[in-house]
N, C-alpha and C. Protein backbone atom coordinates (compact mmCIF):
# COMPACT_ATOMS: atom_id res chain seq x y z
N MET A 1 12.07 0.41 11.18
CA MET A 1 11.93 0.20 9.75
C MET A 1 12.53 -1.15 9.33
N ILE A 2 13.66 -1.48 9.93
CA ILE A 2 14.30 -2.76 9.62
C ILE A 2 13.42 -3.90 10.12
N GLN A 3 12.86 -3.77 11.31
CA GLN A 3 12.01 -4.82 11.85
C GLN A 3 10.78 -5.02 10.96
N ASP A 4 10.21 -3.95 10.43
CA ASP A 4 9.09 -4.08 9.50
C ASP A 4 9.50 -4.85 8.26
N LEU A 5 10.69 -4.58 7.75
CA LEU A 5 11.19 -5.28 6.58
C LEU A 5 11.41 -6.76 6.87
N VAL A 6 11.92 -7.06 8.06
CA VAL A 6 12.12 -8.46 8.46
C VAL A 6 10.76 -9.17 8.55
N GLU A 7 9.79 -8.51 9.13
CA GLU A 7 8.45 -9.10 9.24
C GLU A 7 7.81 -9.33 7.87
N ARG A 8 7.94 -8.36 6.97
CA ARG A 8 7.40 -8.54 5.61
C ARG A 8 8.10 -9.69 4.91
N SER A 9 9.38 -9.83 5.15
CA SER A 9 10.13 -10.93 4.54
C SER A 9 9.64 -12.27 5.06
N LYS A 10 9.42 -12.36 6.38
CA LYS A 10 8.92 -13.60 6.98
C LYS A 10 7.58 -13.99 6.38
N GLN A 11 6.72 -13.01 6.16
CA GLN A 11 5.40 -13.29 5.59
C GLN A 11 5.50 -13.87 4.19
N GLN A 12 6.60 -13.58 3.50
CA GLN A 12 6.81 -14.11 2.15
C GLN A 12 7.68 -15.36 2.16
N GLY A 13 7.97 -15.89 3.34
CA GLY A 13 8.76 -17.11 3.45
C GLY A 13 10.25 -16.89 3.28
N LEU A 14 10.71 -15.69 3.57
CA LEU A 14 12.13 -15.36 3.42
C LEU A 14 12.73 -15.04 4.78
N GLY A 15 13.95 -15.53 4.99
CA GLY A 15 14.70 -15.13 6.18
C GLY A 15 15.53 -13.91 5.81
N LEU A 16 15.67 -12.98 6.71
CA LEU A 16 16.44 -11.77 6.42
C LEU A 16 17.33 -11.46 7.60
N GLU A 17 18.62 -11.33 7.32
CA GLU A 17 19.58 -10.94 8.35
C GLU A 17 20.39 -9.77 7.82
N ILE A 18 20.42 -8.71 8.61
CA ILE A 18 21.15 -7.50 8.25
C ILE A 18 22.19 -7.26 9.33
N THR A 19 23.44 -7.13 8.94
CA THR A 19 24.51 -6.96 9.92
C THR A 19 24.46 -5.58 10.56
N HIS A 20 25.13 -5.48 11.70
CA HIS A 20 25.20 -4.21 12.42
C HIS A 20 25.92 -3.15 11.58
N ARG A 21 26.92 -3.57 10.81
CA ARG A 21 27.65 -2.62 9.95
C ARG A 21 26.72 -1.97 8.93
N VAL A 22 25.79 -2.73 8.40
CA VAL A 22 24.83 -2.18 7.43
C VAL A 22 23.88 -1.21 8.13
N LYS A 23 23.47 -1.56 9.32
CA LYS A 23 22.58 -0.66 10.08
C LYS A 23 23.27 0.67 10.35
N LEU A 24 24.55 0.61 10.71
CA LEU A 24 25.30 1.85 10.93
C LEU A 24 25.38 2.67 9.65
N ARG A 25 25.55 2.00 8.53
CA ARG A 25 25.61 2.68 7.23
C ARG A 25 24.28 3.37 6.93
N LEU A 26 23.18 2.70 7.25
CA LEU A 26 21.86 3.30 7.06
C LEU A 26 21.70 4.57 7.89
N VAL A 27 22.18 4.52 9.11
CA VAL A 27 22.09 5.69 9.98
C VAL A 27 22.93 6.83 9.41
N GLU A 28 24.14 6.50 8.95
CA GLU A 28 25.00 7.53 8.36
C GLU A 28 24.34 8.22 7.17
N GLU A 29 23.74 7.43 6.31
CA GLU A 29 23.16 7.98 5.09
C GLU A 29 21.76 8.53 5.28
N GLY A 30 21.05 8.02 6.30
CA GLY A 30 19.65 8.40 6.44
C GLY A 30 19.35 9.38 7.55
N TYR A 31 20.33 9.75 8.33
CA TYR A 31 20.06 10.65 9.46
C TYR A 31 20.09 12.11 9.01
N ASN A 32 18.99 12.77 9.27
CA ASN A 32 18.92 14.21 9.01
C ASN A 32 17.87 14.77 9.95
N PRO A 33 18.29 15.46 11.01
CA PRO A 33 17.33 15.95 12.01
C PRO A 33 16.32 16.94 11.44
N ALA A 34 16.66 17.61 10.38
CA ALA A 34 15.74 18.60 9.81
C ALA A 34 14.56 17.95 9.10
N TYR A 35 14.76 16.74 8.56
CA TYR A 35 13.70 16.10 7.76
C TYR A 35 13.07 14.89 8.44
N GLY A 36 13.47 14.57 9.64
CA GLY A 36 12.87 13.46 10.36
C GLY A 36 13.23 12.11 9.75
N ALA A 37 12.24 11.21 9.67
CA ALA A 37 12.48 9.84 9.23
C ALA A 37 12.48 9.67 7.71
N ARG A 38 12.09 10.67 6.96
CA ARG A 38 12.01 10.52 5.51
C ARG A 38 13.33 10.11 4.87
N PRO A 39 14.45 10.76 5.20
CA PRO A 39 15.71 10.33 4.58
C PRO A 39 16.11 8.91 4.97
N LEU A 40 15.78 8.51 6.20
CA LEU A 40 16.09 7.14 6.63
C LEU A 40 15.27 6.15 5.83
N ARG A 41 14.00 6.45 5.63
CA ARG A 41 13.13 5.56 4.84
C ARG A 41 13.67 5.43 3.41
N ARG A 42 14.10 6.54 2.82
CA ARG A 42 14.67 6.49 1.47
C ARG A 42 15.97 5.69 1.44
N ALA A 43 16.78 5.81 2.48
CA ALA A 43 18.02 5.03 2.55
C ALA A 43 17.72 3.54 2.65
N VAL A 44 16.73 3.16 3.43
CA VAL A 44 16.34 1.75 3.54
C VAL A 44 15.86 1.25 2.18
N MET A 45 15.07 2.04 1.50
CA MET A 45 14.56 1.63 0.19
C MET A 45 15.71 1.48 -0.81
N ARG A 46 16.59 2.46 -0.87
CA ARG A 46 17.66 2.48 -1.87
C ARG A 46 18.74 1.45 -1.56
N LEU A 47 19.16 1.37 -0.31
CA LEU A 47 20.30 0.52 0.04
C LEU A 47 19.92 -0.93 0.35
N ILE A 48 18.70 -1.16 0.77
CA ILE A 48 18.30 -2.51 1.16
C ILE A 48 17.26 -3.08 0.20
N GLU A 49 16.08 -2.47 0.16
CA GLU A 49 14.98 -3.04 -0.61
C GLU A 49 15.29 -3.13 -2.10
N ASP A 50 15.84 -2.07 -2.67
CA ASP A 50 16.17 -2.09 -4.10
C ASP A 50 17.23 -3.13 -4.42
N LYS A 51 18.22 -3.27 -3.53
CA LYS A 51 19.28 -4.25 -3.76
C LYS A 51 18.77 -5.68 -3.63
N ILE A 52 17.84 -5.91 -2.70
CA ILE A 52 17.23 -7.24 -2.58
C ILE A 52 16.46 -7.57 -3.86
N ALA A 53 15.67 -6.62 -4.33
CA ALA A 53 14.89 -6.84 -5.55
C ALA A 53 15.80 -7.13 -6.75
N SER A 54 16.87 -6.36 -6.88
CA SER A 54 17.81 -6.59 -7.99
C SER A 54 18.45 -7.97 -7.90
N LYS A 55 18.80 -8.38 -6.69
CA LYS A 55 19.43 -9.69 -6.51
C LYS A 55 18.47 -10.80 -6.90
N PHE A 56 17.20 -10.66 -6.52
CA PHE A 56 16.21 -11.67 -6.89
C PHE A 56 16.01 -11.72 -8.39
N LEU A 57 16.04 -10.57 -9.04
CA LEU A 57 15.90 -10.55 -10.49
C LEU A 57 17.10 -11.19 -11.18
N GLN A 58 18.29 -11.01 -10.62
CA GLN A 58 19.50 -11.60 -11.20
C GLN A 58 19.55 -13.11 -11.01
N GLU A 59 19.24 -13.57 -9.81
CA GLU A 59 19.43 -14.98 -9.48
C GLU A 59 18.17 -15.82 -9.62
N SER A 60 17.00 -15.22 -9.53
CA SER A 60 15.72 -15.91 -9.67
C SER A 60 15.63 -17.20 -8.87
N PRO A 61 15.82 -17.15 -7.54
CA PRO A 61 15.71 -18.38 -6.76
C PRO A 61 14.27 -18.86 -6.73
N GLU A 62 14.12 -20.16 -6.80
CA GLU A 62 12.77 -20.73 -6.73
C GLU A 62 12.46 -21.05 -5.28
N GLY A 63 11.27 -20.74 -4.85
CA GLY A 63 10.88 -21.05 -3.49
C GLY A 63 11.42 -20.07 -2.47
N LYS A 64 11.66 -20.60 -1.28
CA LYS A 64 12.10 -19.76 -0.17
C LYS A 64 13.61 -19.56 -0.20
N ALA A 65 14.04 -18.48 0.46
CA ALA A 65 15.47 -18.18 0.53
C ALA A 65 15.76 -17.39 1.79
N ASN A 66 16.99 -17.50 2.24
CA ASN A 66 17.50 -16.64 3.30
C ASN A 66 18.30 -15.53 2.63
N ILE A 67 18.15 -14.34 3.13
CA ILE A 67 18.84 -13.17 2.58
C ILE A 67 19.81 -12.66 3.65
N PHE A 68 21.06 -12.50 3.27
CA PHE A 68 22.08 -11.98 4.18
C PHE A 68 22.63 -10.70 3.59
N ILE A 69 22.61 -9.62 4.36
CA ILE A 69 23.05 -8.31 3.87
C ILE A 69 24.20 -7.83 4.75
N ASP A 70 25.32 -7.52 4.10
CA ASP A 70 26.51 -7.06 4.79
C ASP A 70 27.25 -6.08 3.89
N LEU A 71 28.32 -5.52 4.40
CA LEU A 71 29.17 -4.65 3.59
C LEU A 71 30.29 -5.49 2.99
N ASP A 72 30.64 -5.21 1.73
CA ASP A 72 31.77 -5.90 1.11
C ASP A 72 33.07 -5.21 1.50
N ASP A 73 34.18 -5.64 0.92
CA ASP A 73 35.49 -5.08 1.25
C ASP A 73 35.62 -3.61 0.89
N ASP A 74 34.82 -3.15 -0.07
CA ASP A 74 34.86 -1.74 -0.49
C ASP A 74 33.87 -0.87 0.28
N GLY A 75 33.16 -1.46 1.24
CA GLY A 75 32.19 -0.70 2.02
C GLY A 75 30.83 -0.57 1.35
N GLU A 76 30.63 -1.31 0.26
CA GLU A 76 29.34 -1.28 -0.44
C GLU A 76 28.43 -2.38 0.12
N ILE A 77 27.15 -2.13 0.08
CA ILE A 77 26.19 -3.11 0.58
C ILE A 77 26.11 -4.28 -0.39
N GLU A 78 26.21 -5.48 0.19
CA GLU A 78 26.20 -6.71 -0.59
C GLU A 78 25.04 -7.58 -0.11
N VAL A 79 24.28 -8.09 -1.06
CA VAL A 79 23.15 -8.96 -0.75
C VAL A 79 23.50 -10.36 -1.24
N ARG A 80 23.36 -11.34 -0.35
CA ARG A 80 23.59 -12.73 -0.73
C ARG A 80 22.32 -13.52 -0.45
N LEU A 81 21.99 -14.39 -1.38
CA LEU A 81 20.82 -15.25 -1.25
C LEU A 81 21.26 -16.68 -1.02
N PHE A 82 20.59 -17.35 -0.10
CA PHE A 82 20.82 -18.75 0.17
C PHE A 82 19.50 -19.48 0.05
N PRO A 83 19.29 -20.18 -1.07
CA PRO A 83 18.02 -20.90 -1.24
C PRO A 83 17.83 -21.91 -0.11
N ILE A 84 16.60 -22.05 0.32
CA ILE A 84 16.26 -23.01 1.36
C ILE A 84 15.73 -24.25 0.67
N GLU A 85 16.36 -25.38 0.96
CA GLU A 85 15.88 -26.64 0.39
C GLU A 85 14.54 -26.97 1.01
N LEU A 86 13.75 -27.73 0.28
CA LEU A 86 12.39 -28.04 0.72
C LEU A 86 12.37 -28.68 2.10
N SER A 87 13.26 -29.63 2.37
CA SER A 87 13.27 -30.29 3.68
C SER A 87 13.65 -29.31 4.78
N GLN A 88 14.59 -28.41 4.50
CA GLN A 88 15.00 -27.40 5.47
C GLN A 88 13.88 -26.40 5.69
N ALA A 89 13.16 -26.04 4.62
CA ALA A 89 12.07 -25.06 4.73
C ALA A 89 10.96 -25.58 5.63
N SER A 90 10.62 -26.87 5.53
CA SER A 90 9.55 -27.39 6.36
C SER A 90 9.97 -27.45 7.82
N SER A 91 11.23 -27.76 8.11
CA SER A 91 11.67 -27.77 9.50
C SER A 91 11.76 -26.36 10.05
N GLU A 92 12.13 -25.37 9.23
CA GLU A 92 12.17 -23.99 9.70
C GLU A 92 10.77 -23.47 9.97
N THR A 93 9.81 -23.90 9.18
CA THR A 93 8.44 -23.47 9.40
C THR A 93 7.95 -23.98 10.74
N ASP A 94 8.36 -25.21 11.10
CA ASP A 94 7.95 -25.78 12.37
C ASP A 94 8.53 -25.01 13.54
N THR A 95 9.79 -24.58 13.44
CA THR A 95 10.44 -23.91 14.55
C THR A 95 10.39 -22.40 14.44
N GLU A 96 10.01 -21.88 13.28
CA GLU A 96 9.94 -20.46 13.01
C GLU A 96 11.28 -19.77 13.24
N ASP A 97 12.38 -20.48 12.99
CA ASP A 97 13.73 -19.90 13.12
C ASP A 97 14.21 -19.51 11.75
N THR A 98 14.43 -18.22 11.53
CA THR A 98 14.88 -17.77 10.23
C THR A 98 16.32 -17.26 10.26
N SER A 99 17.07 -17.67 11.30
CA SER A 99 18.45 -17.19 11.38
C SER A 99 19.31 -17.92 10.36
N LEU A 100 20.39 -17.31 10.00
CA LEU A 100 21.29 -17.88 9.01
C LEU A 100 22.50 -18.53 9.65
N SER A 101 22.47 -18.75 10.94
CA SER A 101 23.64 -19.29 11.61
C SER A 101 24.03 -20.66 11.07
N SER A 102 23.06 -21.43 10.59
CA SER A 102 23.39 -22.74 10.03
C SER A 102 24.12 -22.62 8.70
N VAL A 103 23.96 -21.49 8.00
CA VAL A 103 24.62 -21.30 6.71
C VAL A 103 26.07 -20.96 6.90
N PHE A 104 26.40 -20.23 7.95
CA PHE A 104 27.76 -19.78 8.18
C PHE A 104 28.40 -20.67 9.18
């Protein structure tokens, strides 16, 4: 499910990085053997997709952006946006590297 989200983000010109801590949180909240993958899908929507959408509505970045998702000090999911400058966006398109290692 996360890989699908990363792929959809790439198609929209967005880089997406989700930390291992967030993935563990998704498993904690979304695992239910009785209901299969449905609770996990809802957890991804609520904890990741909805928070990304809210962040975009708050900050309204123009153009492309890298999205970094991690847990804050209180254990809550935090979404950070890093706008990609036009010159950086064209070089990333050439190499197809959407990692955020250059930001950190």
